[in-house]
Amino acid sequence: TPRPPPRWPELFAELREQRRPAVSNLFDGSSERNIVAVYVPVVRENAVRFVLTVELRAGTFGELLRSQKFAPEMIAALQDRDATIIARTQGEAERVGRKVQNPSPGPEGWVRGRVFEGTEAYVAFATAPLSGWRVVITAPVTAVEAPLRRGAWQLMLGAAVASALAAGLAFVFGRRIADAVGGLVRIARAVERG
């Protein structure tokens, strides 16, 4: 189903009032699918006289995301104000244009959830103030928690080694002290017998 173009009247009213650039949500143009438009008002004599418009393919944003060199197990995505996926570092062909079901509320934050592929992941997100678009980065729970688990195991192993070392030293020094006390006891008995 083709996505409709942006709400033209509201968008142009916003351009006239705020006199700053605006960005559309993802839509299908007359000749190409999955595009966004950037609108820049031209202000003359304190009024918006013209609006410059450029349409960008969603794939352009995918290329930009992939150029950031995220770790292979991580997925970065860009969503519009309606939580429609504009670009994604993995599975872009299947996911662009799909709405995210139950997006996390708020302008920024993180949650633990599942990605489209069904993998349990930590999801961090932030919303850009000018466009209202959201950048989402997901990392599998296993990838995030593996260093923590490895550190915990190393800590436990270190504690076990330290405990064994302490027990060995206590045995050695305890034996020496016991031998010394035994020697003192023999001397004390000898003194007592006269």
N, C-alpha and C. Protein backbone atom coordinates (compact mmCIF):
# COMPACT_ATOMS: atom_id res chain seq x y z
N THR A 1 0.85 -1.18 0.00
CA THR A 1 0.00 0.00 0.00
C THR A 1 0.89 1.24 0.00
N PRO A 2 0.74 2.12 -0.96
CA PRO A 2 1.57 3.35 -0.98
C PRO A 2 1.23 4.23 0.22
N ARG A 3 2.28 4.81 0.77
CA ARG A 3 2.10 5.75 1.88
C ARG A 3 1.78 7.12 1.30
N PRO A 4 0.84 7.82 1.91
CA PRO A 4 0.49 9.14 1.37
C PRO A 4 1.60 10.16 1.61
N PRO A 5 1.63 11.22 0.82
CA PRO A 5 2.62 12.28 1.04
C PRO A 5 2.31 12.99 2.36
N PRO A 6 3.24 13.81 2.82
CA PRO A 6 3.05 14.50 4.10
C PRO A 6 1.82 15.40 4.09
N ARG A 7 1.39 15.77 5.30
CA ARG A 7 0.24 16.67 5.44
C ARG A 7 0.66 18.05 4.96
N TRP A 8 0.37 18.36 3.73
CA TRP A 8 0.84 19.61 3.14
C TRP A 8 0.36 20.86 3.87
N PRO A 9 -0.92 21.04 4.14
CA PRO A 9 -1.35 22.30 4.77
C PRO A 9 -0.71 22.54 6.13
N GLU A 10 -0.67 21.50 6.98
CA GLU A 10 -0.06 21.67 8.31
C GLU A 10 1.43 21.95 8.21
N LEU A 11 2.08 21.26 7.29
CA LEU A 11 3.52 21.42 7.13
C LEU A 11 3.87 22.84 6.67
N PHE A 12 3.13 23.34 5.68
CA PHE A 12 3.43 24.69 5.19
C PHE A 12 3.02 25.76 6.20
N ALA A 13 2.01 25.50 6.99
CA ALA A 13 1.65 26.44 8.06
C ALA A 13 2.78 26.50 9.08
N GLU A 14 3.36 25.33 9.40
CA GLU A 14 4.49 25.27 10.33
C GLU A 14 5.69 26.03 9.76
N LEU A 15 5.95 25.87 8.46
CA LEU A 15 7.06 26.58 7.83
C LEU A 15 6.86 28.10 7.91
N ARG A 16 5.63 28.55 7.64
CA ARG A 16 5.36 29.99 7.69
C ARG A 16 5.50 30.55 9.10
N GLU A 17 5.02 29.81 10.08
CA GLU A 17 5.05 30.29 11.47
C GLU A 17 6.45 30.24 12.07
N GLN A 18 7.12 29.11 11.93
CA GLN A 18 8.40 28.92 12.61
C GLN A 18 9.60 29.36 11.78
N ARG A 19 9.44 29.46 10.48
CA ARG A 19 10.50 29.92 9.58
C ARG A 19 11.80 29.14 9.76
N ARG A 20 11.64 27.85 9.88
CA ARG A 20 12.81 26.98 9.98
C ARG A 20 12.56 25.74 9.13
N PRO A 21 13.61 25.04 8.74
CA PRO A 21 13.44 23.85 7.91
C PRO A 21 12.56 22.80 8.58
N ALA A 22 11.92 22.00 7.76
CA ALA A 22 11.08 20.90 8.25
C ALA A 22 11.37 19.67 7.40
N VAL A 23 11.09 18.51 8.01
CA VAL A 23 11.33 17.24 7.33
C VAL A 23 10.04 16.44 7.38
N SER A 24 9.73 15.79 6.28
CA SER A 24 8.51 14.98 6.21
C SER A 24 8.74 13.61 6.85
N ASN A 25 7.69 12.86 6.99
CA ASN A 25 7.78 11.44 7.31
C ASN A 25 8.06 10.70 6.02
N LEU A 26 8.28 9.41 6.11
CA LEU A 26 8.50 8.59 4.92
C LEU A 26 7.21 8.51 4.11
N PHE A 27 7.32 8.66 2.80
CA PHE A 27 6.14 8.54 1.94
C PHE A 27 6.56 8.02 0.58
N ASP A 28 5.57 7.66 -0.22
CA ASP A 28 5.81 7.21 -1.59
C ASP A 28 5.47 8.35 -2.53
N GLY A 29 6.44 8.73 -3.36
CA GLY A 29 6.21 9.78 -4.34
C GLY A 29 5.48 9.23 -5.55
N SER A 30 5.27 10.09 -6.52
CA SER A 30 4.56 9.66 -7.72
C SER A 30 5.40 8.72 -8.58
N SER A 31 6.73 8.86 -8.51
CA SER A 31 7.57 8.01 -9.35
C SER A 31 8.51 7.12 -8.55
N GLU A 32 8.62 7.32 -7.25
CA GLU A 32 9.56 6.53 -6.46
C GLU A 32 8.98 6.26 -5.08
N ARG A 33 9.27 5.07 -4.55
CA ARG A 33 8.82 4.68 -3.21
C ARG A 33 9.87 5.05 -2.17
N ASN A 34 9.41 5.13 -0.93
CA ASN A 34 10.30 5.32 0.23
C ASN A 34 11.19 6.55 0.10
N ILE A 35 10.56 7.69 0.15
CA ILE A 35 11.31 8.95 0.11
C ILE A 35 10.87 9.84 1.27
N VAL A 36 11.72 10.80 1.57
CA VAL A 36 11.39 11.85 2.54
C VAL A 36 11.70 13.18 1.85
N ALA A 37 11.05 14.22 2.32
CA ALA A 37 11.28 15.54 1.75
C ALA A 37 11.80 16.48 2.83
N VAL A 38 12.72 17.33 2.43
CA VAL A 38 13.25 18.37 3.32
C VAL A 38 12.80 19.70 2.74
N TYR A 39 12.18 20.52 3.58
CA TYR A 39 11.64 21.81 3.15
C TYR A 39 12.40 22.92 3.86
N VAL A 40 12.88 23.89 3.08
CA VAL A 40 13.62 25.02 3.64
C VAL A 40 12.92 26.30 3.20
N PRO A 41 12.40 27.07 4.18
CA PRO A 41 11.72 28.31 3.81
C PRO A 41 12.73 29.39 3.41
N VAL A 42 12.37 30.17 2.41
CA VAL A 42 13.18 31.32 1.99
C VAL A 42 12.43 32.55 2.48
N VAL A 43 13.06 33.27 3.41
CA VAL A 43 12.41 34.42 4.04
C VAL A 43 12.92 35.71 3.39
N ARG A 44 11.98 36.53 2.93
CA ARG A 44 12.28 37.85 2.36
C ARG A 44 11.31 38.84 2.99
N GLU A 45 11.85 39.96 3.43
CA GLU A 45 11.03 41.02 4.04
C GLU A 45 10.13 40.45 5.13
N ASN A 46 10.77 39.63 6.00
CA ASN A 46 10.10 39.09 7.18
C ASN A 46 8.92 38.17 6.88
N ALA A 47 8.90 37.59 5.70
CA ALA A 47 7.82 36.66 5.34
C ALA A 47 8.41 35.52 4.50
N VAL A 48 7.80 34.35 4.60
CA VAL A 48 8.23 33.21 3.80
C VAL A 48 7.70 33.42 2.39
N ARG A 49 8.62 33.57 1.42
CA ARG A 49 8.25 33.82 0.04
C ARG A 49 8.27 32.55 -0.81
N PHE A 50 9.24 31.67 -0.50
CA PHE A 50 9.39 30.44 -1.26
C PHE A 50 9.73 29.32 -0.29
N VAL A 51 9.56 28.11 -0.75
CA VAL A 51 10.00 26.93 0.01
C VAL A 51 10.79 26.06 -0.94
N LEU A 52 12.06 25.87 -0.61
CA LEU A 52 12.91 24.96 -1.38
C LEU A 52 12.67 23.55 -0.87
N THR A 53 12.54 22.63 -1.80
CA THR A 53 12.23 21.26 -1.42
C THR A 53 13.20 20.31 -2.11
N VAL A 54 13.66 19.33 -1.35
CA VAL A 54 14.47 18.26 -1.93
C VAL A 54 13.91 16.94 -1.41
N GLU A 55 13.80 15.98 -2.32
CA GLU A 55 13.35 14.64 -1.95
C GLU A 55 14.56 13.73 -1.89
N LEU A 56 14.65 12.95 -0.82
CA LEU A 56 15.78 12.03 -0.62
C LEU A 56 15.26 10.61 -0.51
N ARG A 57 15.94 9.68 -1.18
CA ARG A 57 15.58 8.28 -1.06
C ARG A 57 15.92 7.79 0.35
N ALA A 58 15.10 6.92 0.89
CA ALA A 58 15.37 6.36 2.22
C ALA A 58 16.70 5.62 2.23
N GLY A 59 17.08 5.03 1.10
CA GLY A 59 18.35 4.31 1.02
C GLY A 59 19.55 5.19 1.34
N THR A 60 19.43 6.49 1.09
CA THR A 60 20.52 7.41 1.41
C THR A 60 20.81 7.38 2.91
N PHE A 61 19.76 7.32 3.71
CA PHE A 61 19.93 7.29 5.16
C PHE A 61 20.48 5.94 5.61
N GLY A 62 20.10 4.87 4.92
CA GLY A 62 20.65 3.55 5.22
C GLY A 62 22.16 3.52 4.99
N GLU A 63 22.58 4.12 3.89
CA GLU A 63 24.02 4.19 3.59
C GLU A 63 24.76 4.96 4.68
N LEU A 64 24.14 6.05 5.12
CA LEU A 64 24.75 6.86 6.18
C LEU A 64 24.86 6.06 7.48
N LEU A 65 23.82 5.32 7.84
CA LEU A 65 23.87 4.49 9.06
C LEU A 65 24.96 3.42 8.95
N ARG A 66 25.01 2.74 7.81
CA ARG A 66 26.01 1.67 7.64
C ARG A 66 27.43 2.21 7.64
N SER A 67 27.63 3.44 7.22
CA SER A 67 28.98 4.02 7.21
C SER A 67 29.50 4.29 8.62
N GLN A 68 28.64 4.18 9.63
CA GLN A 68 29.06 4.44 11.01
C GLN A 68 29.80 3.26 11.63
N LYS A 69 29.83 2.13 10.94
CA LYS A 69 30.61 0.95 11.36
C LYS A 69 30.21 0.43 12.74
N PHE A 70 28.93 0.18 12.93
CA PHE A 70 28.47 -0.43 14.17
C PHE A 70 28.99 -1.86 14.24
N ALA A 71 29.06 -2.41 15.43
CA ALA A 71 29.47 -3.80 15.60
C ALA A 71 28.50 -4.70 14.83
N PRO A 72 28.98 -5.81 14.29
CA PRO A 72 28.12 -6.65 13.43
C PRO A 72 26.83 -7.12 14.11
N GLU A 73 26.87 -7.35 15.42
CA GLU A 73 25.67 -7.85 16.10
C GLU A 73 24.67 -6.74 16.44
N MET A 74 25.06 -5.50 16.27
CA MET A 74 24.18 -4.36 16.58
C MET A 74 23.37 -3.96 15.35
N ILE A 75 22.20 -3.40 15.60
CA ILE A 75 21.35 -2.89 14.52
C ILE A 75 21.01 -1.45 14.84
N ALA A 76 21.23 -0.57 13.88
CA ALA A 76 20.83 0.84 14.03
C ALA A 76 19.70 1.09 13.05
N ALA A 77 18.75 1.91 13.48
CA ALA A 77 17.61 2.21 12.62
C ALA A 77 17.22 3.67 12.79
N LEU A 78 16.54 4.18 11.78
CA LEU A 78 16.02 5.55 11.79
C LEU A 78 14.52 5.44 11.56
N GLN A 79 13.74 6.09 12.45
CA GLN A 79 12.28 6.05 12.35
C GLN A 79 11.75 7.47 12.22
N ASP A 80 10.65 7.62 11.49
CA ASP A 80 10.04 8.95 11.38
C ASP A 80 9.10 9.19 12.57
N ARG A 81 8.39 10.31 12.56
CA ARG A 81 7.51 10.69 13.67
C ARG A 81 6.38 9.69 13.90
N ASP A 82 6.03 8.93 12.86
CA ASP A 82 4.97 7.93 12.98
C ASP A 82 5.52 6.54 13.31
N ALA A 83 6.79 6.46 13.69
CA ALA A 83 7.46 5.19 14.02
C ALA A 83 7.54 4.26 12.81
N THR A 84 7.63 4.82 11.63
CA THR A 84 7.83 4.05 10.41
C THR A 84 9.34 3.99 10.15
N ILE A 85 9.84 2.82 9.83
CA ILE A 85 11.28 2.66 9.63
C ILE A 85 11.69 3.30 8.30
N ILE A 86 12.63 4.24 8.38
CA ILE A 86 13.17 4.93 7.21
C ILE A 86 14.41 4.20 6.71
N ALA A 87 15.26 3.77 7.65
CA ALA A 87 16.52 3.12 7.27
C ALA A 87 16.93 2.18 8.39
N ARG A 88 17.78 1.22 8.00
CA ARG A 88 18.23 0.21 8.97
C ARG A 88 19.56 -0.34 8.49
N THR A 89 20.45 -0.68 9.43
CA THR A 89 21.75 -1.21 9.02
C THR A 89 21.69 -2.66 8.57
N GLN A 90 20.69 -3.41 9.03
CA GLN A 90 20.53 -4.81 8.63
C GLN A 90 19.06 -5.05 8.27
N GLY A 91 18.83 -5.86 7.28
CA GLY A 91 17.45 -6.20 6.90
C GLY A 91 16.66 -5.02 6.39
N GLU A 92 17.35 -4.08 5.76
CA GLU A 92 16.69 -2.85 5.32
C GLU A 92 15.61 -3.10 4.28
N ALA A 93 15.87 -3.97 3.32
CA ALA A 93 14.90 -4.20 2.24
C ALA A 93 13.57 -4.71 2.78
N GLU A 94 13.61 -5.55 3.82
CA GLU A 94 12.39 -6.12 4.38
C GLU A 94 11.69 -5.19 5.37
N ARG A 95 12.42 -4.26 5.95
CA ARG A 95 11.87 -3.48 7.08
C ARG A 95 11.49 -2.04 6.75
N VAL A 96 12.14 -1.42 5.76
CA VAL A 96 11.83 -0.02 5.45
C VAL A 96 10.36 0.11 5.06
N GLY A 97 9.71 1.08 5.65
CA GLY A 97 8.30 1.32 5.37
C GLY A 97 7.37 0.63 6.35
N ARG A 98 7.90 -0.24 7.20
CA ARG A 98 7.06 -0.91 8.20
C ARG A 98 7.00 -0.09 9.47
N LYS A 99 5.82 -0.06 10.06
CA LYS A 99 5.65 0.65 11.33
C LYS A 99 6.14 -0.23 12.48
N VAL A 100 6.76 0.41 13.45
CA VAL A 100 7.18 -0.28 14.66
C VAL A 100 5.96 -0.40 15.56
N GLN A 101 5.66 -1.60 16.00
CA GLN A 101 4.52 -1.82 16.88
C GLN A 101 4.92 -1.44 18.31
N ASN A 102 4.10 -0.67 18.97
CA ASN A 102 4.33 -0.27 20.37
C ASN A 102 5.72 0.34 20.60
N PRO A 103 6.03 1.44 19.92
CA PRO A 103 7.34 2.07 20.16
C PRO A 103 7.43 2.58 21.60
N SER A 104 8.63 2.61 22.12
CA SER A 104 8.84 3.08 23.49
C SER A 104 8.47 4.55 23.60
N PRO A 105 7.79 4.91 24.69
CA PRO A 105 7.39 6.31 24.85
C PRO A 105 8.56 7.19 25.27
N GLY A 106 8.41 8.48 25.04
CA GLY A 106 9.42 9.45 25.46
C GLY A 106 10.40 9.79 24.37
N PRO A 107 11.09 10.91 24.55
CA PRO A 107 12.04 11.35 23.52
C PRO A 107 13.35 10.57 23.52
N GLU A 108 13.71 9.97 24.65
CA GLU A 108 14.96 9.21 24.70
C GLU A 108 14.89 8.21 25.84
N GLY A 109 15.75 7.22 25.77
CA GLY A 109 15.80 6.22 26.83
C GLY A 109 16.30 4.90 26.31
N TRP A 110 16.08 3.85 27.11
CA TRP A 110 16.45 2.51 26.69
C TRP A 110 15.50 1.53 27.36
N VAL A 111 15.33 0.40 26.69
CA VAL A 111 14.47 -0.67 27.21
C VAL A 111 15.10 -2.01 26.83
N ARG A 112 14.63 -3.03 27.49
CA ARG A 112 15.01 -4.39 27.11
C ARG A 112 13.80 -4.99 26.42
N GLY A 113 13.98 -5.48 25.21
CA GLY A 113 12.86 -6.01 24.45
C GLY A 113 13.34 -6.95 23.35
N ARG A 114 12.49 -7.15 22.37
CA ARG A 114 12.83 -8.03 21.23
C ARG A 114 12.81 -7.21 19.95
N VAL A 115 13.76 -7.50 19.07
CA VAL A 115 13.79 -6.86 17.75
C VAL A 115 12.96 -7.71 16.79
N PHE A 116 12.75 -7.21 15.56
CA PHE A 116 11.95 -7.92 14.57
C PHE A 116 12.38 -9.38 14.41
N GLU A 117 13.68 -9.61 14.47
CA GLU A 117 14.20 -10.95 14.25
C GLU A 117 13.92 -11.89 15.42
N GLY A 118 13.38 -11.37 16.52
CA GLY A 118 13.04 -12.19 17.67
C GLY A 118 14.13 -12.27 18.72
N THR A 119 15.26 -11.64 18.49
CA THR A 119 16.37 -11.66 19.43
C THR A 119 16.08 -10.72 20.59
N GLU A 120 16.36 -11.19 21.80
CA GLU A 120 16.22 -10.32 22.96
C GLU A 120 17.37 -9.32 22.94
N ALA A 121 17.05 -8.04 23.12
CA ALA A 121 18.08 -7.00 22.95
C ALA A 121 17.82 -5.82 23.86
N TYR A 122 18.87 -5.05 24.09
CA TYR A 122 18.74 -3.74 24.72
C TYR A 122 18.54 -2.75 23.58
N VAL A 123 17.58 -1.86 23.74
CA VAL A 123 17.22 -0.90 22.70
C VAL A 123 17.39 0.50 23.28
N ALA A 124 18.30 1.28 22.71
CA ALA A 124 18.50 2.67 23.11
C ALA A 124 17.96 3.56 22.00
N PHE A 125 17.31 4.67 22.38
CA PHE A 125 16.73 5.53 21.36
C PHE A 125 16.82 6.99 21.80
N ALA A 126 16.87 7.87 20.79
CA ALA A 126 16.87 9.31 21.01
C ALA A 126 16.15 9.97 19.85
N THR A 127 15.40 11.02 20.16
CA THR A 127 14.62 11.72 19.15
C THR A 127 15.27 13.06 18.83
N ALA A 128 15.42 13.34 17.54
CA ALA A 128 16.00 14.62 17.10
C ALA A 128 14.94 15.71 17.24
N PRO A 129 15.28 16.84 17.84
CA PRO A 129 14.28 17.88 18.07
C PRO A 129 13.75 18.54 16.79
N LEU A 130 14.57 18.73 15.78
CA LEU A 130 14.12 19.41 14.57
C LEU A 130 13.18 18.55 13.74
N SER A 131 13.55 17.31 13.50
CA SER A 131 12.76 16.45 12.62
C SER A 131 11.73 15.61 13.36
N GLY A 132 11.97 15.35 14.63
CA GLY A 132 11.10 14.44 15.37
C GLY A 132 11.39 12.99 15.04
N TRP A 133 12.42 12.76 14.24
CA TRP A 133 12.80 11.39 13.90
C TRP A 133 13.54 10.77 15.08
N ARG A 134 13.54 9.47 15.13
CA ARG A 134 14.16 8.74 16.22
C ARG A 134 15.28 7.85 15.69
N VAL A 135 16.42 7.90 16.36
CA VAL A 135 17.53 6.99 16.07
C VAL A 135 17.46 5.89 17.13
N VAL A 136 17.49 4.65 16.67
CA VAL A 136 17.36 3.49 17.55
C VAL A 136 18.56 2.59 17.33
N ILE A 137 19.19 2.19 18.42
CA ILE A 137 20.33 1.26 18.33
C ILE A 137 20.02 0.07 19.23
N THR A 138 20.12 -1.11 18.67
CA THR A 138 19.85 -2.33 19.44
C THR A 138 21.11 -3.17 19.52
N ALA A 139 21.28 -3.79 20.67
CA ALA A 139 22.40 -4.71 20.89
C ALA A 139 21.86 -5.94 21.59
N PRO A 140 22.20 -7.13 21.12
CA PRO A 140 21.72 -8.34 21.77
C PRO A 140 22.11 -8.38 23.24
N VAL A 141 21.22 -8.89 24.06
CA VAL A 141 21.48 -8.99 25.50
C VAL A 141 22.76 -9.77 25.74
N THR A 142 22.97 -10.85 24.97
CA THR A 142 24.18 -11.66 25.16
C THR A 142 25.45 -10.85 24.90
N ALA A 143 25.43 -9.97 23.91
CA ALA A 143 26.62 -9.17 23.60
C ALA A 143 26.89 -8.14 24.67
N VAL A 144 25.83 -7.59 25.27
CA VAL A 144 26.00 -6.57 26.30
C VAL A 144 26.42 -7.20 27.62
N GLU A 145 25.80 -8.34 27.95
CA GLU A 145 26.05 -8.94 29.25
C GLU A 145 27.26 -9.86 29.27
N ALA A 146 27.77 -10.28 28.11
CA ALA A 146 28.92 -11.20 28.08
C ALA A 146 30.13 -10.63 28.82
N PRO A 147 30.52 -9.37 28.60
CA PRO A 147 31.66 -8.85 29.37
C PRO A 147 31.38 -8.81 30.87
N LEU A 148 30.13 -8.54 31.25
CA LEU A 148 29.79 -8.53 32.67
C LEU A 148 29.92 -9.93 33.26
N ARG A 149 29.40 -10.91 32.53
CA ARG A 149 29.51 -12.30 33.00
C ARG A 149 30.96 -12.74 33.06
N ARG A 150 31.72 -12.40 32.03
CA ARG A 150 33.14 -12.76 32.01
C ARG A 150 33.85 -12.11 33.19
N GLY A 151 33.54 -10.85 33.46
CA GLY A 151 34.14 -10.15 34.60
C GLY A 151 33.75 -10.78 35.92
N ALA A 152 32.49 -11.21 36.04
CA ALA A 152 32.04 -11.85 37.27
C ALA A 152 32.77 -13.18 37.48
N TRP A 153 32.91 -13.96 36.39
CA TRP A 153 33.63 -15.23 36.50
C TRP A 153 35.10 -14.98 36.87
N GLN A 154 35.70 -13.97 36.26
CA GLN A 154 37.10 -13.67 36.59
C GLN A 154 37.23 -13.22 38.04
N LEU A 155 36.26 -12.45 38.50
CA LEU A 155 36.27 -12.01 39.90
C LEU A 155 36.12 -13.20 40.84
N MET A 156 35.20 -14.11 40.52
CA MET A 156 35.02 -15.29 41.37
C MET A 156 36.26 -16.18 41.35
N LEU A 157 36.86 -16.35 40.17
CA LEU A 157 38.09 -17.14 40.07
C LEU A 157 39.20 -16.50 40.89
N GLY A 158 39.33 -15.17 40.79
CA GLY A 158 40.33 -14.45 41.57
C GLY A 158 40.09 -14.60 43.07
N ALA A 159 38.83 -14.54 43.47
CA ALA A 159 38.49 -14.70 44.89
C ALA A 159 38.82 -16.11 45.35
N ALA A 160 38.56 -17.12 44.51
CA ALA A 160 38.86 -18.51 44.88
C ALA A 160 40.37 -18.70 45.02
N VAL A 161 41.14 -18.14 44.08
CA VAL A 161 42.60 -18.25 44.15
C VAL A 161 43.11 -17.53 45.41
N ALA A 162 42.58 -16.34 45.67
CA ALA A 162 43.01 -15.59 46.87
C ALA A 162 42.65 -16.36 48.14
N SER A 163 41.47 -16.99 48.17
CA SER A 163 41.07 -17.77 49.34
C SER A 163 41.98 -18.97 49.54
N ALA A 164 42.30 -19.66 48.44
CA ALA A 164 43.19 -20.82 48.53
C ALA A 164 44.58 -20.39 48.99
N LEU A 165 45.06 -19.28 48.47
CA LEU A 165 46.36 -18.76 48.87
C LEU A 165 46.35 -18.37 50.35
N ALA A 166 45.28 -17.70 50.78
CA ALA A 166 45.17 -17.31 52.19
C ALA A 166 45.11 -18.54 53.09
N ALA A 167 44.37 -19.58 52.68
CA ALA A 167 44.27 -20.80 53.47
C ALA A 167 45.64 -21.48 53.57
N GLY A 168 46.36 -21.53 52.44
CA GLY A 168 47.70 -22.14 52.43
C GLY A 168 48.65 -21.38 53.34
N LEU A 169 48.65 -20.06 53.25
CA LEU A 169 49.52 -19.24 54.11
C LEU A 169 49.12 -19.40 55.57
N ALA A 170 47.82 -19.43 55.85
CA ALA A 170 47.36 -19.62 57.23
C ALA A 170 47.84 -20.96 57.77
N PHE A 171 47.78 -22.00 56.93
CA PHE A 171 48.24 -23.33 57.36
C PHE A 171 49.74 -23.30 57.67
N VAL A 172 50.53 -22.72 56.74
CA VAL A 172 51.98 -22.68 56.92
C VAL A 172 52.35 -21.88 58.16
N PHE A 173 51.81 -20.65 58.28
CA PHE A 173 52.14 -19.82 59.43
C PHE A 173 51.54 -20.38 60.71
N GLY A 174 50.37 -20.98 60.61
CA GLY A 174 49.75 -21.61 61.79
C GLY A 174 50.59 -22.77 62.29
N ARG A 175 51.14 -23.53 61.36
CA ARG A 175 52.01 -24.66 61.72
C ARG A 175 53.26 -24.15 62.43
N ARG A 176 53.85 -23.08 61.91
CA ARG A 176 55.06 -22.51 62.54
C ARG A 176 54.74 -21.99 63.94
N ILE A 177 53.61 -21.31 64.05
CA ILE A 177 53.22 -20.78 65.36
C ILE A 177 52.95 -21.94 66.32
N ALA A 178 52.27 -22.98 65.83
CA ALA A 178 51.97 -24.15 66.68
C ALA A 178 53.27 -24.82 67.13
N ASP A 179 54.25 -24.94 66.20
CA ASP A 179 55.54 -25.53 66.56
C ASP A 179 56.25 -24.67 67.60
N ALA A 180 56.20 -23.35 67.43
CA ALA A 180 56.85 -22.44 68.39
C ALA A 180 56.17 -22.54 69.75
N VAL A 181 54.85 -22.56 69.77
CA VAL A 181 54.10 -22.68 71.04
C VAL A 181 54.42 -24.03 71.68
N GLY A 182 54.50 -25.09 70.87
CA GLY A 182 54.85 -26.42 71.41
C GLY A 182 56.22 -26.39 72.05
N GLY A 183 57.18 -25.70 71.42
CA GLY A 183 58.52 -25.58 71.98
C GLY A 183 58.49 -24.82 73.29
N LEU A 184 57.68 -23.77 73.37
CA LEU A 184 57.55 -22.99 74.61
C LEU A 184 56.92 -23.84 75.71
N VAL A 185 55.97 -24.67 75.36
CA VAL A 185 55.32 -25.54 76.34
C VAL A 185 56.34 -26.53 76.90
N ARG A 186 57.19 -27.09 76.05
CA ARG A 186 58.21 -28.03 76.52
C ARG A 186 59.19 -27.33 77.46
N ILE A 187 59.58 -26.11 77.10
CA ILE A 187 60.49 -25.34 77.95
C ILE A 187 59.83 -25.04 79.29
N ALA A 188 58.56 -24.64 79.27
CA ALA A 188 57.85 -24.31 80.50
C ALA A 188 57.74 -25.54 81.40
N ARG A 189 57.53 -26.71 80.85
CA ARG A 189 57.44 -27.95 81.65
C ARG A 189 58.79 -28.31 82.23
N ALA A 190 59.84 -28.09 81.44
CA ALA A 190 61.18 -28.37 81.93
C ALA A 190 61.54 -27.45 83.08
N VAL A 191 61.15 -26.18 82.97
CA VAL A 191 61.42 -25.20 84.05
C VAL A 191 60.61 -25.61 85.28
N GLU A 192 59.41 -26.06 85.06
CA GLU A 192 58.54 -26.44 86.17
C GLU A 192 59.12 -27.64 86.92
N ARG A 193 59.74 -28.59 86.24
CA ARG A 193 60.32 -29.78 86.89
C ARG A 193 61.63 -29.45 87.57
N GLY A 194 62.19 -28.42 87.16
CA GLY A 194 63.36 -27.92 87.85
C GLY A 194 64.63 -28.28 87.29
